[in-house]
Amino acid sequence: MTERTILVVGGSAGIGLEIARDLIAGGDRVILTSRSAETAARVAADLGPAATGLAVDVSEPEQIVAALADVPAIDGLVLGAIERDANTIRDYSIERARRLITLKLIGYTEVIHALLDRLQPSNETGIVLFGGRAKDAPYPGSTTVSTINGGIEGLMNTLALELAPIRVNALHPGIVGDSPFWAGKPAAVLEGYQSRTPGGELATMTDIVDAVRFLLFNRGVSAHSLNVDRGWRIT
């Protein structure tokens, strides 16, 4: 048993939930968040006594300090809260763009700021920021998403410098074929993406969880952006 405590922001569903489940299986305690207190409590109860649920909405950064007030000292932080949005330049929505930019670039930063007194100042402590491959693999409507995920790299670099010896890394998933978002897509859609990877397979949630664990716990890795996409961009 490691007896580490890891906070997983966005850990109540999808890939975040798989991360929380894996950490608990490895002997860690997990604090997972959802925008809904009810959802956070229910998911934590399902995961067992090593999990605690907490309501935090990172798209409302002014509320983050109060929401995290009861978090104890932690040994690691995964910032995986995301939202998806198609926002083309021809039909640009300022409101939707502002929400996503606030959620990731301001919300992520404010979570770390709020927890500075509880993040152990050691290279044993890791922070993982979730970006995405849209930063350099854009698609129609990805203007905001691509911009934000590119910004995650800049955020990672400055935080890794300011917070050292705490390590800060970024994870950029490609299409995760068995994730809740993608698993329900028509087979033809997924096959089109699969055909563009060298091995003919899409990344899985297990791939993402393994990558998070590496970035979170490997003491020799900081200020590193890791793409997990089964080599999609080389074809």
C-alpha atoms as a PDB file:
ATOM      1  CA  MET A   1       0.000   0.000   0.000  1.00  0.00           C
ATOM      2  CA  THR A   2       1.429   3.357  -1.020  1.00  0.00           C
ATOM      3  CA  GLU A   3      -0.737   5.542   1.238  1.00  0.00           C
ATOM      4  CA  ARG A   4      -0.586   8.385  -1.284  1.00  0.00           C
ATOM      5  CA  THR A   5      -3.555  10.709  -1.726  1.00  0.00           C
ATOM      6  CA  ILE A   6      -4.299  11.803  -5.282  1.00  0.00           C
ATOM      7  CA  LEU A   7      -6.883  14.388  -6.329  1.00  0.00           C
ATOM      8  CA  VAL A   8      -8.513  13.614  -9.683  1.00  0.00           C
ATOM      9  CA  VAL A   9     -10.435  16.609 -10.985  1.00  0.00           C
ATOM     10  CA  GLY A  10     -13.071  15.231 -13.324  1.00  0.00           C
ATOM     11  CA  GLY A  11     -12.767  11.768 -11.810  1.00  0.00           C
ATOM     12  CA  SER A  12     -16.445  10.872 -11.660  1.00  0.00           C
ATOM     13  CA  ALA A  13     -16.919   9.643 -15.235  1.00  0.00           C
ATOM     14  CA  GLY A  14     -15.172   8.420 -18.360  1.00  0.00           C
ATOM     15  CA  ILE A  15     -11.388   8.390 -18.432  1.00  0.00           C
ATOM     16  CA  GLY A  16     -11.177  10.281 -15.133  1.00  0.00           C
ATOM     17  CA  LEU A  17     -13.132   7.532 -13.417  1.00  0.00           C
ATOM     18  CA  GLU A  18     -10.836   4.884 -14.905  1.00  0.00           C
ATOM     19  CA  ILE A  19      -7.854   6.806 -13.537  1.00  0.00           C
ATOM     20  CA  ALA A  20      -9.427   6.955 -10.074  1.00  0.00           C
ATOM     21  CA  ARG A  21     -10.270   3.243 -10.175  1.00  0.00           C
ATOM     22  CA  ASP A  22      -6.718   2.315 -11.209  1.00  0.00           C
ATOM     23  CA  LEU A  23      -5.111   4.448  -8.506  1.00  0.00           C
ATOM     24  CA  ILE A  24      -7.267   2.843  -5.838  1.00  0.00           C
ATOM     25  CA  ALA A  25      -6.431  -0.627  -7.160  1.00  0.00           C
ATOM     26  CA  GLY A  26      -2.753   0.288  -6.761  1.00  0.00           C
ATOM     27  CA  GLY A  27      -3.217   1.207  -3.100  1.00  0.00           C
ATOM     28  CA  ASP A  28      -3.703   4.971  -3.287  1.00  0.00           C
ATOM     29  CA  ARG A  29      -6.466   7.058  -1.798  1.00  0.00           C
ATOM     30  CA  VAL A  30      -8.380   9.194  -4.289  1.00  0.00           C
ATOM     31  CA  ILE A  31     -10.385  12.390  -3.987  1.00  0.00           C
ATOM     32  CA  LEU A  32     -12.507  12.667  -7.120  1.00  0.00           C
ATOM     33  CA  THR A  33     -14.532  15.621  -8.264  1.00  0.00           C
ATOM     34  CA  SER A  34     -17.703  16.253 -10.185  1.00  0.00           C
ATOM     35  CA  ARG A  35     -19.726  19.395 -10.734  1.00  0.00           C
ATOM     36  CA  SER A  36     -22.505  17.588  -8.835  1.00  0.00           C
ATOM     37  CA  ALA A  37     -22.069  16.786  -5.143  1.00  0.00           C
ATOM     38  CA  GLU A  38     -24.571  13.950  -5.526  1.00  0.00           C
ATOM     39  CA  THR A  39     -22.658  12.401  -8.412  1.00  0.00           C
ATOM     40  CA  ALA A  40     -19.318  12.746  -6.650  1.00  0.00           C
ATOM     41  CA  ALA A  41     -20.674  11.072  -3.509  1.00  0.00           C
ATOM     42  CA  ARG A  42     -22.322   8.243  -5.449  1.00  0.00           C
ATOM     43  CA  VAL A  43     -19.236   7.441  -7.512  1.00  0.00           C
ATOM     44  CA  ALA A  44     -16.973   7.572  -4.457  1.00  0.00           C
ATOM     45  CA  ALA A  45     -19.297   5.188  -2.619  1.00  0.00           C
ATOM     46  CA  ASP A  46     -19.171   2.786  -5.562  1.00  0.00           C
ATOM     47  CA  LEU A  47     -15.366   2.855  -5.516  1.00  0.00           C
ATOM     48  CA  GLY A  48     -15.184   2.069  -1.819  1.00  0.00           C
ATOM     49  CA  PRO A  49     -13.584   3.478   1.328  1.00  0.00           C
ATOM     50  CA  ALA A  50     -10.414   4.650  -0.431  1.00  0.00           C
ATOM     51  CA  ALA A  51     -12.428   7.195  -2.434  1.00  0.00           C
ATOM     52  CA  THR A  52     -13.903  10.545  -1.422  1.00  0.00           C
ATOM     53  CA  GLY A  53     -16.203  12.658  -3.575  1.00  0.00           C
ATOM     54  CA  LEU A  54     -16.122  16.426  -3.839  1.00  0.00           C
ATOM     55  CA  ALA A  55     -18.166  18.970  -5.819  1.00  0.00           C
ATOM     56  CA  VAL A  56     -15.982  21.346  -7.836  1.00  0.00           C
ATOM     57  CA  ASP A  57     -16.829  23.268 -11.000  1.00  0.00           C
ATOM     58  CA  VAL A  58     -13.570  24.403 -12.599  1.00  0.00           C
ATOM     59  CA  SER A  59     -15.513  26.566 -15.047  1.00  0.00           C
ATOM     60  CA  GLU A  60     -16.366  28.801 -12.047  1.00  0.00           C
ATOM     61  CA  PRO A  61     -12.845  29.669 -10.859  1.00  0.00           C
ATOM     62  CA  GLU A  62     -13.950  32.168  -8.218  1.00  0.00           C
ATOM     63  CA  GLN A  63     -15.560  29.285  -6.313  1.00  0.00           C
ATOM     64  CA  ILE A  64     -12.596  26.903  -6.434  1.00  0.00           C
ATOM     65  CA  VAL A  65     -10.821  28.015  -3.254  1.00  0.00           C
ATOM     66  CA  ALA A  66     -13.920  27.429  -1.149  1.00  0.00           C
ATOM     67  CA  ALA A  67     -14.743  24.161  -2.908  1.00  0.00           C
ATOM     68  CA  LEU A  68     -11.276  22.783  -2.139  1.00  0.00           C
ATOM     69  CA  ALA A  69     -11.048  24.110   1.415  1.00  0.00           C
ATOM     70  CA  ASP A  70     -11.403  20.683   3.031  1.00  0.00           C
ATOM     71  CA  VAL A  71      -8.889  18.867   0.815  1.00  0.00           C
ATOM     72  CA  PRO A  72      -6.006  17.529   2.951  1.00  0.00           C
ATOM     73  CA  ALA A  73      -2.353  17.332   1.937  1.00  0.00           C
ATOM     74  CA  ILE A  74      -2.075  15.543  -1.399  1.00  0.00           C
ATOM     75  CA  ASP A  75       0.715  13.693  -3.179  1.00  0.00           C
ATOM     76  CA  GLY A  76      -0.504  14.149  -6.728  1.00  0.00           C
ATOM     77  CA  LEU A  77      -3.039  15.966  -8.870  1.00  0.00           C
ATOM     78  CA  VAL A  78      -4.699  14.987 -12.139  1.00  0.00           C
ATOM     79  CA  LEU A  79      -6.564  17.767 -13.914  1.00  0.00           C
ATOM     80  CA  GLY A  80      -8.805  15.855 -16.290  1.00  0.00           C
ATOM     81  CA  ALA A  81     -12.043  17.861 -16.321  1.00  0.00           C
ATOM     82  CA  ILE A  82     -12.917  18.535 -19.960  1.00  0.00           C
ATOM     83  CA  GLU A  83     -15.814  19.596 -22.137  1.00  0.00           C
ATOM     84  CA  ARG A  84     -16.257  19.176 -25.878  1.00  0.00           C
ATOM     85  CA  ASP A  85     -17.398  21.886 -28.240  1.00  0.00           C
ATOM     86  CA  ALA A  86     -17.492  22.463 -31.988  1.00  0.00           C
ATOM     87  CA  ASN A  87     -17.107  26.193 -32.551  1.00  0.00           C
ATOM     88  CA  THR A  88     -16.333  27.208 -36.110  1.00  0.00           C
ATOM     89  CA  ILE A  89     -14.885  30.587 -36.968  1.00  0.00           C
ATOM     90  CA  ARG A  90     -17.856  31.336 -39.254  1.00  0.00           C
ATOM     91  CA  ASP A  91     -20.413  30.674 -36.510  1.00  0.00           C
ATOM     92  CA  TYR A  92     -18.213  31.680 -33.593  1.00  0.00           C
ATOM     93  CA  SER A  93     -19.811  31.622 -30.141  1.00  0.00           C
ATOM     94  CA  ILE A  94     -17.998  33.877 -27.691  1.00  0.00           C
ATOM     95  CA  GLU A  95     -19.966  32.420 -24.807  1.00  0.00           C
ATOM     96  CA  ARG A  96     -18.947  28.813 -25.526  1.00  0.00           C
ATOM     97  CA  ALA A  97     -15.366  29.801 -26.248  1.00  0.00           C
ATOM     98  CA  ARG A  98     -15.117  31.759 -23.018  1.00  0.00           C
ATOM     99  CA  ARG A  99     -16.451  28.806 -21.012  1.00  0.00           C
ATOM    100  CA  LEU A 100     -13.893  26.335 -22.394  1.00  0.00           C
ATOM    101  CA  ILE A 101     -10.986  28.740 -22.055  1.00  0.00           C
ATOM    102  CA  THR A 102     -11.994  29.490 -18.481  1.00  0.00           C
ATOM    103  CA  LEU A 103     -12.454  25.819 -17.608  1.00  0.00           C
ATOM    104  CA  LYS A 104      -9.016  24.637 -18.697  1.00  0.00           C
ATOM    105  CA  LEU A 105      -6.596  27.539 -18.709  1.00  0.00           C
ATOM    106  CA  ILE A 106      -7.972  29.485 -15.742  1.00  0.00           C
ATOM    107  CA  GLY A 107      -9.750  26.700 -13.860  1.00  0.00           C
ATOM    108  CA  TYR A 108      -6.799  24.300 -13.955  1.00  0.00           C
ATOM    109  CA  THR A 109      -4.442  27.052 -12.831  1.00  0.00           C
ATOM    110  CA  GLU A 110      -6.692  28.168  -9.996  1.00  0.00           C
ATOM    111  CA  VAL A 111      -7.012  24.599  -8.699  1.00  0.00           C
ATOM    112  CA  ILE A 112      -3.226  24.420  -8.386  1.00  0.00           C
ATOM    113  CA  HIS A 113      -3.065  27.897  -6.849  1.00  0.00           C
ATOM    114  CA  ALA A 114      -5.710  26.940  -4.286  1.00  0.00           C
ATOM    115  CA  LEU A 115      -3.806  23.779  -3.308  1.00  0.00           C
ATOM    116  CA  LEU A 116      -0.270  25.160  -3.091  1.00  0.00           C
ATOM    117  CA  ASP A 117      -0.193  24.794   0.680  1.00  0.00           C
ATOM    118  CA  ARG A 118      -1.240  21.127   0.417  1.00  0.00           C
ATOM    119  CA  LEU A 119       0.881  19.902  -2.489  1.00  0.00           C
ATOM    120  CA  GLN A 120       3.931  18.189  -1.028  1.00  0.00           C
ATOM    121  CA  PRO A 121       7.040  20.158  -2.199  1.00  0.00           C
ATOM    122  CA  SER A 122       8.921  17.126  -3.519  1.00  0.00           C
ATOM    123  CA  ASN A 123       9.776  15.510  -6.836  1.00  0.00           C
ATOM    124  CA  GLU A 124       7.615  12.645  -5.614  1.00  0.00           C
ATOM    125  CA  THR A 125       4.641  14.936  -6.262  1.00  0.00           C
ATOM    126  CA  GLY A 126       3.291  15.018  -9.794  1.00  0.00           C
ATOM    127  CA  ILE A 127       0.689  17.131 -11.551  1.00  0.00           C
ATOM    128  CA  VAL A 128      -0.833  15.975 -14.839  1.00  0.00           C
ATOM    129  CA  LEU A 129      -2.701  18.423 -17.069  1.00  0.00           C
ATOM    130  CA  PHE A 130      -5.033  17.055 -19.741  1.00  0.00           C
ATOM    131  CA  GLY A 131      -4.697  18.643 -23.148  1.00  0.00           C
ATOM    132  CA  GLY A 132      -5.484  16.858 -26.396  1.00  0.00           C
ATOM    133  CA  ARG A 133      -4.182  16.113 -29.869  1.00  0.00           C
ATOM    134  CA  ALA A 134      -6.380  18.820 -31.375  1.00  0.00           C
ATOM    135  CA  LYS A 135      -3.533  21.184 -30.442  1.00  0.00           C
ATOM    136  CA  ASP A 136      -1.668  20.072 -33.572  1.00  0.00           C
ATOM    137  CA  ALA A 137      -4.264  17.896 -35.317  1.00  0.00           C
ATOM    138  CA  PRO A 138      -7.121  20.367 -35.862  1.00  0.00           C
ATOM    139  CA  TYR A 139     -10.490  19.556 -37.379  1.00  0.00           C
ATOM    140  CA  PRO A 140     -13.383  21.763 -38.547  1.00  0.00           C
ATOM    141  CA  GLY A 141     -14.821  23.482 -35.498  1.00  0.00           C
ATOM    142  CA  SER A 142     -11.780  22.866 -33.268  1.00  0.00           C
ATOM    143  CA  THR A 143     -10.587  26.484 -33.161  1.00  0.00           C
ATOM    144  CA  THR A 144     -11.229  26.880 -29.429  1.00  0.00           C
ATOM    145  CA  VAL A 145     -10.233  23.346 -28.468  1.00  0.00           C
ATOM    146  CA  SER A 146      -7.009  23.476 -30.488  1.00  0.00           C
ATOM    147  CA  THR A 147      -6.100  26.851 -28.994  1.00  0.00           C
ATOM    148  CA  ILE A 148      -6.750  25.702 -25.426  1.00  0.00           C
ATOM    149  CA  ASN A 149      -4.814  22.462 -25.799  1.00  0.00           C
ATOM    150  CA  GLY A 150      -1.899  24.385 -27.257  1.00  0.00           C
ATOM    151  CA  GLY A 151      -2.113  26.669 -24.234  1.00  0.00           C
ATOM    152  CA  ILE A 152      -1.821  23.663 -21.922  1.00  0.00           C
ATOM    153  CA  GLU A 153       1.764  23.241 -23.105  1.00  0.00           C
ATOM    154  CA  GLY A 154       2.648  26.810 -22.151  1.00  0.00           C
ATOM    155  CA  LEU A 155       0.904  26.381 -18.807  1.00  0.00           C
ATOM    156  CA  MET A 156       2.800  23.151 -18.174  1.00  0.00           C
ATOM    157  CA  ASN A 157       6.162  24.771 -18.838  1.00  0.00           C
ATOM    158  CA  THR A 158       5.669  27.761 -16.579  1.00  0.00           C
ATOM    159  CA  LEU A 159       4.223  25.661 -13.762  1.00  0.00           C
ATOM    160  CA  ALA A 160       7.042  23.129 -13.967  1.00  0.00           C
ATOM    161  CA  LEU A 161       9.497  25.999 -13.512  1.00  0.00           C
ATOM    162  CA  GLU A 162       7.618  27.827 -10.748  1.00  0.00           C
ATOM    163  CA  LEU A 163       6.599  24.767  -8.740  1.00  0.00           C
ATOM    164  CA  ALA A 164       9.839  22.756  -8.880  1.00  0.00           C
ATOM    165  CA  PRO A 165      10.665  20.322  -7.340  1.00  0.00           C
ATOM    166  CA  ILE A 166       7.003  19.403  -7.900  1.00  0.00           C
ATOM    167  CA  ARG A 167       6.766  17.919 -11.392  1.00  0.00           C
ATOM    168  CA  VAL A 168       4.225  19.122 -13.958  1.00  0.00           C
ATOM    169  CA  ASN A 169       3.466  17.240 -17.179  1.00  0.00           C
ATOM    170  CA  ALA A 170       0.769  17.262 -19.851  1.00  0.00           C
ATOM    171  CA  LEU A 171      -1.066  14.397 -21.502  1.00  0.00           C
ATOM    172  CA  HIS A 172      -2.562  14.763 -24.973  1.00  0.00           C
ATOM    173  CA  PRO A 173      -4.863  11.865 -25.895  1.00  0.00           C
ATOM    174  CA  GLY A 174      -5.882  11.181 -29.449  1.00  0.00           C
ATOM    175  CA  ILE A 175      -9.107   9.384 -30.255  1.00  0.00           C
ATOM    176  CA  VAL A 176      -9.783   6.947 -27.414  1.00  0.00           C
ATOM    177  CA  GLY A 177     -11.834   4.254 -29.101  1.00  0.00           C
ATOM    178  CA  ASP A 178     -13.448   2.690 -26.031  1.00  0.00           C
ATOM    179  CA  SER A 179     -14.159   5.926 -24.162  1.00  0.00           C
ATOM    180  CA  PRO A 180     -17.819   6.819 -23.567  1.00  0.00           C
ATOM    181  CA  PHE A 181     -17.660   9.599 -26.169  1.00  0.00           C
ATOM    182  CA  TRP A 182     -16.216   7.474 -28.970  1.00  0.00           C
ATOM    183  CA  ALA A 183     -17.495   3.968 -28.217  1.00  0.00           C
ATOM    184  CA  GLY A 184     -20.994   4.823 -29.386  1.00  0.00           C
ATOM    185  CA  LYS A 185     -19.908   6.238 -32.733  1.00  0.00           C
ATOM    186  CA  PRO A 186     -20.836   4.321 -35.904  1.00  0.00           C
ATOM    187  CA  ALA A 187     -18.366   1.564 -36.763  1.00  0.00           C
ATOM    188  CA  ALA A 188     -17.551   3.234 -40.071  1.00  0.00           C
ATOM    189  CA  VAL A 189     -16.457   6.394 -38.285  1.00  0.00           C
ATOM    190  CA  LEU A 190     -14.107   4.522 -35.968  1.00  0.00           C
ATOM    191  CA  GLU A 191     -12.761   2.378 -38.804  1.00  0.00           C
ATOM    192  CA  GLY A 192     -11.869   5.518 -40.704  1.00  0.00           C
ATOM    193  CA  TYR A 193      -9.714   6.695 -37.819  1.00  0.00           C
ATOM    194  CA  GLN A 194      -8.287   3.241 -37.133  1.00  0.00           C
ATOM    195  CA  SER A 195      -7.066   2.958 -40.694  1.00  0.00           C
ATOM    196  CA  ARG A 196      -4.861   6.011 -40.135  1.00  0.00           C
ATOM    197  CA  THR A 197      -2.866   4.497 -37.265  1.00  0.00           C
ATOM    198  CA  PRO A 198       0.223   2.413 -38.095  1.00  0.00           C
ATOM    199  CA  GLY A 199      -1.136  -0.606 -36.195  1.00  0.00           C
ATOM    200  CA  GLY A 200      -4.750  -0.192 -37.220  1.00  0.00           C
ATOM    201  CA  GLU A 201      -5.960   0.342 -33.653  1.00  0.00           C
ATOM    202  CA  LEU A 202      -7.103   3.351 -31.662  1.00  0.00           C
ATOM    203  CA  ALA A 203      -5.823   4.273 -28.213  1.00  0.00           C
ATOM    204  CA  THR A 204      -7.781   2.835 -25.296  1.00  0.00           C
ATOM    205  CA  MET A 205      -8.692   4.109 -21.860  1.00  0.00           C
ATOM    206  CA  THR A 206      -6.122   1.673 -20.452  1.00  0.00           C
ATOM    207  CA  ASP A 207      -3.473   3.383 -22.595  1.00  0.00           C
ATOM    208  CA  ILE A 208      -4.456   6.755 -21.141  1.00  0.00           C
ATOM    209  CA  VAL A 209      -4.482   5.452 -17.563  1.00  0.00           C
ATOM    210  CA  ASP A 210      -1.016   3.942 -18.009  1.00  0.00           C
ATOM    211  CA  ALA A 211       0.283   7.241 -19.381  1.00  0.00           C
ATOM    212  CA  VAL A 212      -1.192   9.192 -16.463  1.00  0.00           C
ATOM    213  CA  ARG A 213       0.475   6.858 -14.002  1.00  0.00           C
ATOM    214  CA  PHE A 214       3.834   7.319 -15.745  1.00  0.00           C
ATOM    215  CA  LEU A 215       3.628  11.118 -15.751  1.00  0.00           C
ATOM    216  CA  LEU A 216       2.283  11.252 -12.208  1.00  0.00           C
ATOM    217  CA  PHE A 217       4.867   9.035 -10.523  1.00  0.00           C
ATOM    218  CA  ASN A 218       8.077   8.970 -12.584  1.00  0.00           C
ATOM    219  CA  ARG A 219      10.427  11.294 -10.700  1.00  0.00           C
ATOM    220  CA  GLY A 220      12.609  11.899 -13.752  1.00  0.00           C
ATOM    221  CA  VAL A 221       9.859  13.403 -15.896  1.00  0.00           C
ATOM    222  CA  SER A 222       8.774  17.038 -15.745  1.00  0.00           C
ATOM    223  CA  ALA A 223       7.737  19.653 -18.331  1.00  0.00           C
ATOM    224  CA  HIS A 224       6.963  16.847 -20.778  1.00  0.00           C
ATOM    225  CA  SER A 225       4.008  16.658 -23.188  1.00  0.00           C
ATOM    226  CA  LEU A 226       3.043  13.083 -23.974  1.00  0.00           C
ATOM    227  CA  ASN A 227       0.880  12.223 -26.982  1.00  0.00           C
ATOM    228  CA  VAL A 228      -1.105   8.988 -26.677  1.00  0.00           C
ATOM    229  CA  ASP A 229      -2.619   8.233 -30.076  1.00  0.00           C
ATOM    230  CA  ARG A 230      -1.048   4.972 -31.339  1.00  0.00           C
ATOM    231  CA  GLY A 231       1.153   6.987 -33.718  1.00  0.00           C
ATOM    232  CA  TRP A 232      -1.775   8.427 -35.632  1.00  0.00           C
ATOM    233  CA  ARG A 233       0.096  11.461 -36.982  1.00  0.00           C
ATOM    234  CA  ILE A 234       2.902   9.551 -38.723  1.00  0.00           C
ATOM    235  CA  THR A 235       0.679   7.916 -41.334  1.00  0.00           C
END
